[in-house]
Amino acid sequence: MPRNMSFAMTTEQFRNRTKTVTRRFGWWFLKPGDVVQGVEKSMGLKKGEKIKPLGLIRIVSTRREPLNAITEADLVLESMPETSPREFVELLCSVKRVPPDEPVNRIEYEYID
């Protein structure tokens, strides 16, 4: 059974299959070829709520880099082409409460279902 990876902040991009890269503060164990179940959200479910699957993905590559190393090209792969690198970093820093140079796992994947 594949692990669940939440796409709560980018559910529509996942559903539209326009997102092929995600950044995570963790998931360091992933390696190319691993299969993961994308889900709407997996934490903070209210009593009676169930996990909503979005689809299976296969990991293509992973690499460790500072959050603020994101490029405009990667924002297209993140399905956020109208967001500047600075805006993206500020958003994640405020949501996750991390510094801009925090190491992040850049995960590239492909849809398999």
N, C-alpha and C. Protein backbone atom coordinates (compact mmCIF):
# COMPACT_ATOMS: atom_id res chain seq x y z
N MET A 1 0.84 -1.18 0.00
CA MET A 1 0.00 0.00 0.00
C MET A 1 0.89 1.24 0.00
N PRO A 2 0.75 2.13 -0.97
CA PRO A 2 1.59 3.33 -1.02
C PRO A 2 1.30 4.29 0.13
N ARG A 3 2.30 5.05 0.51
CA ARG A 3 2.13 6.10 1.52
C ARG A 3 1.27 7.21 0.93
N ASN A 4 0.58 7.94 1.82
CA ASN A 4 -0.23 9.08 1.41
C ASN A 4 0.58 10.36 1.52
N MET A 5 0.54 11.19 0.48
CA MET A 5 1.17 12.51 0.48
C MET A 5 0.08 13.53 0.25
N SER A 6 -0.05 14.46 1.18
CA SER A 6 -1.10 15.47 1.11
C SER A 6 -0.77 16.56 0.08
N PHE A 7 -1.78 16.92 -0.68
CA PHE A 7 -1.70 18.04 -1.60
C PHE A 7 -2.81 19.04 -1.26
N ALA A 8 -2.94 19.32 0.06
CA ALA A 8 -4.01 20.19 0.55
C ALA A 8 -3.93 21.59 -0.03
N MET A 9 -2.72 22.12 -0.20
CA MET A 9 -2.57 23.48 -0.72
C MET A 9 -2.64 23.55 -2.24
N THR A 10 -2.51 22.41 -2.90
CA THR A 10 -2.47 22.39 -4.37
C THR A 10 -3.34 21.27 -4.94
N THR A 11 -4.49 21.06 -4.32
CA THR A 11 -5.38 19.99 -4.75
C THR A 11 -5.82 20.15 -6.21
N GLU A 12 -6.21 21.36 -6.59
CA GLU A 12 -6.68 21.58 -7.97
C GLU A 12 -5.57 21.33 -8.99
N GLN A 13 -4.35 21.78 -8.67
CA GLN A 13 -3.22 21.55 -9.58
C GLN A 13 -2.96 20.06 -9.75
N PHE A 14 -3.09 19.31 -8.66
CA PHE A 14 -2.91 17.86 -8.74
C PHE A 14 -4.01 17.25 -9.60
N ARG A 15 -5.25 17.62 -9.33
CA ARG A 15 -6.39 17.08 -10.11
C ARG A 15 -6.25 17.40 -11.59
N ASN A 16 -5.76 18.59 -11.91
CA ASN A 16 -5.60 19.02 -13.30
C ASN A 16 -4.35 18.43 -13.95
N ARG A 17 -3.53 17.75 -13.15
CA ARG A 17 -2.27 17.15 -13.63
C ARG A 17 -1.31 18.20 -14.19
N THR A 18 -1.35 19.42 -13.65
CA THR A 18 -0.44 20.48 -14.09
C THR A 18 0.77 20.61 -13.17
N LYS A 19 0.77 19.93 -12.06
CA LYS A 19 1.85 19.99 -11.07
C LYS A 19 2.68 18.71 -11.16
N THR A 20 3.99 18.85 -11.35
CA THR A 20 4.87 17.68 -11.41
C THR A 20 6.07 17.79 -10.48
N VAL A 21 6.11 18.85 -9.69
CA VAL A 21 7.16 19.04 -8.69
C VAL A 21 6.51 19.54 -7.41
N THR A 22 7.00 19.04 -6.29
CA THR A 22 6.55 19.54 -4.98
C THR A 22 7.76 19.67 -4.08
N ARG A 23 7.65 20.54 -3.12
CA ARG A 23 8.72 20.72 -2.14
C ARG A 23 8.19 20.32 -0.77
N ARG A 24 8.99 19.52 -0.06
CA ARG A 24 8.57 19.02 1.25
C ARG A 24 9.70 19.20 2.25
N PHE A 25 9.31 19.53 3.46
CA PHE A 25 10.26 19.59 4.57
C PHE A 25 10.25 18.21 5.22
N GLY A 26 10.85 17.28 4.54
CA GLY A 26 10.86 15.88 4.96
C GLY A 26 10.78 14.98 3.75
N TRP A 27 10.26 13.79 3.96
CA TRP A 27 10.17 12.79 2.89
C TRP A 27 11.57 12.47 2.33
N TRP A 28 12.59 12.51 3.18
CA TRP A 28 13.97 12.29 2.73
C TRP A 28 14.21 10.85 2.29
N PHE A 29 13.35 9.93 2.68
CA PHE A 29 13.51 8.52 2.36
C PHE A 29 13.11 8.18 0.92
N LEU A 30 12.40 9.10 0.22
CA LEU A 30 11.92 8.82 -1.14
C LEU A 30 13.08 8.60 -2.10
N LYS A 31 12.85 7.72 -3.06
CA LYS A 31 13.84 7.50 -4.11
C LYS A 31 13.12 7.30 -5.43
N PRO A 32 13.80 7.53 -6.54
CA PRO A 32 13.17 7.34 -7.85
C PRO A 32 12.55 5.94 -7.96
N GLY A 33 11.33 5.91 -8.52
CA GLY A 33 10.61 4.66 -8.68
C GLY A 33 9.58 4.40 -7.59
N ASP A 34 9.72 5.07 -6.44
CA ASP A 34 8.72 4.89 -5.38
C ASP A 34 7.36 5.38 -5.86
N VAL A 35 6.31 4.71 -5.42
CA VAL A 35 4.94 5.09 -5.75
C VAL A 35 4.28 5.65 -4.49
N VAL A 36 3.60 6.78 -4.65
CA VAL A 36 2.95 7.48 -3.54
C VAL A 36 1.51 7.79 -3.96
N GLN A 37 0.60 7.74 -2.99
CA GLN A 37 -0.80 8.11 -3.22
C GLN A 37 -0.98 9.58 -2.87
N GLY A 38 -1.28 10.41 -3.85
CA GLY A 38 -1.63 11.80 -3.58
C GLY A 38 -3.01 11.85 -2.97
N VAL A 39 -3.16 12.64 -1.88
CA VAL A 39 -4.46 12.75 -1.22
C VAL A 39 -4.78 14.22 -0.99
N GLU A 40 -6.07 14.50 -0.83
CA GLU A 40 -6.52 15.87 -0.60
C GLU A 40 -5.93 16.43 0.68
N LYS A 41 -6.08 15.70 1.77
CA LYS A 41 -5.39 16.02 3.01
C LYS A 41 -5.34 14.77 3.85
N SER A 42 -4.31 14.67 4.70
CA SER A 42 -4.16 13.45 5.49
C SER A 42 -4.08 13.74 6.99
N MET A 43 -3.86 14.97 7.36
CA MET A 43 -3.80 15.34 8.77
C MET A 43 -4.91 16.34 9.07
N GLY A 44 -5.31 16.40 10.32
CA GLY A 44 -6.32 17.36 10.71
C GLY A 44 -7.72 17.00 10.26
N LEU A 45 -7.94 15.72 9.99
CA LEU A 45 -9.28 15.28 9.58
C LEU A 45 -10.21 15.31 10.80
N LYS A 46 -11.40 15.80 10.59
CA LYS A 46 -12.40 15.82 11.65
C LYS A 46 -12.98 14.42 11.83
N LYS A 47 -13.59 14.19 12.97
CA LYS A 47 -14.19 12.90 13.26
C LYS A 47 -15.17 12.52 12.14
N GLY A 48 -15.00 11.34 11.60
CA GLY A 48 -15.87 10.85 10.53
C GLY A 48 -15.35 11.17 9.13
N GLU A 49 -14.42 12.14 9.00
CA GLU A 49 -13.86 12.45 7.67
C GLU A 49 -12.92 11.33 7.25
N LYS A 50 -12.86 11.10 5.97
CA LYS A 50 -11.97 10.08 5.43
C LYS A 50 -10.99 10.73 4.45
N ILE A 51 -9.87 10.08 4.28
CA ILE A 51 -8.87 10.55 3.32
C ILE A 51 -9.46 10.42 1.92
N LYS A 52 -9.29 11.49 1.10
CA LYS A 52 -9.79 11.48 -0.27
C LYS A 52 -8.61 11.32 -1.23
N PRO A 53 -8.48 10.15 -1.87
CA PRO A 53 -7.39 9.93 -2.80
C PRO A 53 -7.52 10.81 -4.04
N LEU A 54 -6.38 11.28 -4.54
CA LEU A 54 -6.33 12.08 -5.76
C LEU A 54 -5.73 11.30 -6.92
N GLY A 55 -4.83 10.39 -6.62
CA GLY A 55 -4.20 9.61 -7.68
C GLY A 55 -2.81 9.14 -7.28
N LEU A 56 -2.32 8.17 -8.03
CA LEU A 56 -0.99 7.63 -7.78
C LEU A 56 0.06 8.40 -8.58
N ILE A 57 1.22 8.59 -7.95
CA ILE A 57 2.35 9.23 -8.62
C ILE A 57 3.60 8.36 -8.42
N ARG A 58 4.51 8.44 -9.39
CA ARG A 58 5.80 7.75 -9.30
C ARG A 58 6.89 8.81 -9.18
N ILE A 59 7.76 8.63 -8.22
CA ILE A 59 8.84 9.58 -7.99
C ILE A 59 9.87 9.43 -9.11
N VAL A 60 10.20 10.57 -9.72
CA VAL A 60 11.19 10.61 -10.79
C VAL A 60 12.56 10.97 -10.23
N SER A 61 12.60 11.99 -9.36
CA SER A 61 13.87 12.42 -8.76
C SER A 61 13.60 13.19 -7.48
N THR A 62 14.62 13.21 -6.63
CA THR A 62 14.58 14.02 -5.42
C THR A 62 15.94 14.69 -5.25
N ARG A 63 15.92 15.86 -4.62
CA ARG A 63 17.21 16.49 -4.28
C ARG A 63 17.00 17.49 -3.15
N ARG A 64 18.01 17.63 -2.36
CA ARG A 64 17.99 18.56 -1.23
C ARG A 64 18.51 19.90 -1.73
N GLU A 65 17.77 20.97 -1.40
CA GLU A 65 18.20 22.32 -1.76
C GLU A 65 17.58 23.32 -0.80
N PRO A 66 18.14 24.52 -0.68
CA PRO A 66 17.50 25.53 0.15
C PRO A 66 16.17 25.96 -0.47
N LEU A 67 15.18 26.24 0.35
CA LEU A 67 13.88 26.67 -0.13
C LEU A 67 14.02 27.84 -1.09
N ASN A 68 14.88 28.81 -0.75
CA ASN A 68 15.00 30.01 -1.57
C ASN A 68 15.81 29.80 -2.85
N ALA A 69 16.12 28.55 -3.19
CA ALA A 69 16.79 28.26 -4.46
C ALA A 69 15.79 28.02 -5.59
N ILE A 70 14.50 28.13 -5.31
CA ILE A 70 13.49 27.87 -6.33
C ILE A 70 13.62 28.86 -7.50
N THR A 71 13.40 28.36 -8.70
CA THR A 71 13.52 29.18 -9.90
C THR A 71 12.14 29.41 -10.52
N GLU A 72 12.07 30.34 -11.45
CA GLU A 72 10.81 30.57 -12.17
C GLU A 72 10.41 29.33 -12.96
N ALA A 73 11.38 28.62 -13.51
CA ALA A 73 11.08 27.38 -14.25
C ALA A 73 10.44 26.34 -13.34
N ASP A 74 10.94 26.25 -12.11
CA ASP A 74 10.35 25.30 -11.17
C ASP A 74 8.95 25.73 -10.72
N LEU A 75 8.69 27.01 -10.70
CA LEU A 75 7.34 27.47 -10.35
C LEU A 75 6.32 27.02 -11.40
N VAL A 76 6.75 26.89 -12.64
CA VAL A 76 5.88 26.34 -13.69
C VAL A 76 5.59 24.88 -13.37
N LEU A 77 6.62 24.12 -12.98
CA LEU A 77 6.44 22.70 -12.64
C LEU A 77 5.63 22.53 -11.36
N GLU A 78 5.69 23.53 -10.48
CA GLU A 78 4.87 23.54 -9.25
C GLU A 78 3.43 23.97 -9.56
N SER A 79 3.18 24.33 -10.82
CA SER A 79 1.88 24.82 -11.28
C SER A 79 1.50 26.14 -10.60
N MET A 80 2.51 27.00 -10.46
CA MET A 80 2.31 28.33 -9.90
C MET A 80 3.07 29.36 -10.76
N PRO A 81 2.82 29.37 -12.08
CA PRO A 81 3.62 30.20 -12.99
C PRO A 81 3.47 31.71 -12.76
N GLU A 82 2.40 32.12 -12.13
CA GLU A 82 2.19 33.56 -11.91
C GLU A 82 2.74 34.03 -10.57
N THR A 83 3.36 33.13 -9.83
CA THR A 83 3.95 33.45 -8.54
C THR A 83 5.45 33.66 -8.73
N SER A 84 5.99 34.68 -8.10
CA SER A 84 7.44 34.91 -8.18
C SER A 84 8.14 34.01 -7.17
N PRO A 85 9.43 33.71 -7.40
CA PRO A 85 10.17 32.92 -6.41
C PRO A 85 10.08 33.53 -5.01
N ARG A 86 10.19 34.85 -4.92
CA ARG A 86 10.12 35.52 -3.63
C ARG A 86 8.75 35.30 -2.95
N GLU A 87 7.68 35.43 -3.72
CA GLU A 87 6.33 35.22 -3.17
C GLU A 87 6.15 33.78 -2.69
N PHE A 88 6.65 32.83 -3.47
CA PHE A 88 6.54 31.42 -3.11
C PHE A 88 7.26 31.15 -1.80
N VAL A 89 8.49 31.64 -1.69
CA VAL A 89 9.29 31.44 -0.47
C VAL A 89 8.59 32.10 0.72
N GLU A 90 8.10 33.32 0.55
CA GLU A 90 7.40 34.00 1.65
C GLU A 90 6.17 33.22 2.09
N LEU A 91 5.43 32.68 1.14
CA LEU A 91 4.24 31.90 1.46
C LEU A 91 4.60 30.67 2.30
N LEU A 92 5.56 29.88 1.82
CA LEU A 92 5.93 28.68 2.56
C LEU A 92 6.55 29.00 3.90
N CYS A 93 7.33 30.07 3.97
CA CYS A 93 7.93 30.47 5.25
C CYS A 93 6.85 30.85 6.26
N SER A 94 5.81 31.52 5.81
CA SER A 94 4.75 31.91 6.74
C SER A 94 3.88 30.72 7.14
N VAL A 95 3.60 29.82 6.21
CA VAL A 95 2.76 28.66 6.52
C VAL A 95 3.51 27.64 7.38
N LYS A 96 4.75 27.37 7.03
CA LYS A 96 5.52 26.32 7.71
C LYS A 96 6.40 26.86 8.84
N ARG A 97 6.50 28.18 8.93
CA ARG A 97 7.31 28.84 9.98
C ARG A 97 8.76 28.37 9.94
N VAL A 98 9.37 28.52 8.77
CA VAL A 98 10.76 28.15 8.55
C VAL A 98 11.50 29.34 7.95
N PRO A 99 12.83 29.38 8.07
CA PRO A 99 13.60 30.44 7.42
C PRO A 99 13.71 30.18 5.91
N PRO A 100 13.98 31.23 5.12
CA PRO A 100 14.03 31.09 3.65
C PRO A 100 15.10 30.12 3.14
N ASP A 101 16.16 29.90 3.92
CA ASP A 101 17.21 28.99 3.46
C ASP A 101 17.07 27.59 4.05
N GLU A 102 15.89 27.29 4.60
CA GLU A 102 15.63 25.96 5.17
C GLU A 102 15.80 24.90 4.08
N PRO A 103 16.50 23.80 4.37
CA PRO A 103 16.62 22.73 3.38
C PRO A 103 15.24 22.12 3.09
N VAL A 104 15.00 21.90 1.81
CA VAL A 104 13.73 21.34 1.37
C VAL A 104 14.03 20.19 0.42
N ASN A 105 13.12 19.23 0.37
CA ASN A 105 13.25 18.11 -0.55
C ASN A 105 12.45 18.45 -1.80
N ARG A 106 13.16 18.70 -2.91
CA ARG A 106 12.50 18.95 -4.19
C ARG A 106 12.19 17.60 -4.81
N ILE A 107 10.91 17.30 -4.98
CA ILE A 107 10.46 16.00 -5.44
C ILE A 107 9.77 16.16 -6.80
N GLU A 108 10.33 15.51 -7.80
CA GLU A 108 9.70 15.49 -9.13
C GLU A 108 9.01 14.15 -9.29
N TYR A 109 7.81 14.17 -9.90
CA TYR A 109 7.03 12.95 -10.04
C TYR A 109 6.26 12.95 -11.34
N GLU A 110 5.70 11.78 -11.66
CA GLU A 110 4.83 11.63 -12.82
C GLU A 110 3.56 10.93 -12.37
N TYR A 111 2.47 11.22 -13.04
CA TYR A 111 1.18 10.60 -12.73
C TYR A 111 1.13 9.22 -13.39
N ILE A 112 0.61 8.23 -12.67
CA ILE A 112 0.58 6.88 -13.21
C ILE A 112 -0.82 6.29 -13.27
N ASP A 113 -1.84 7.10 -13.00
CA ASP A 113 -3.21 6.58 -13.13
C ASP A 113 -4.09 7.56 -13.83
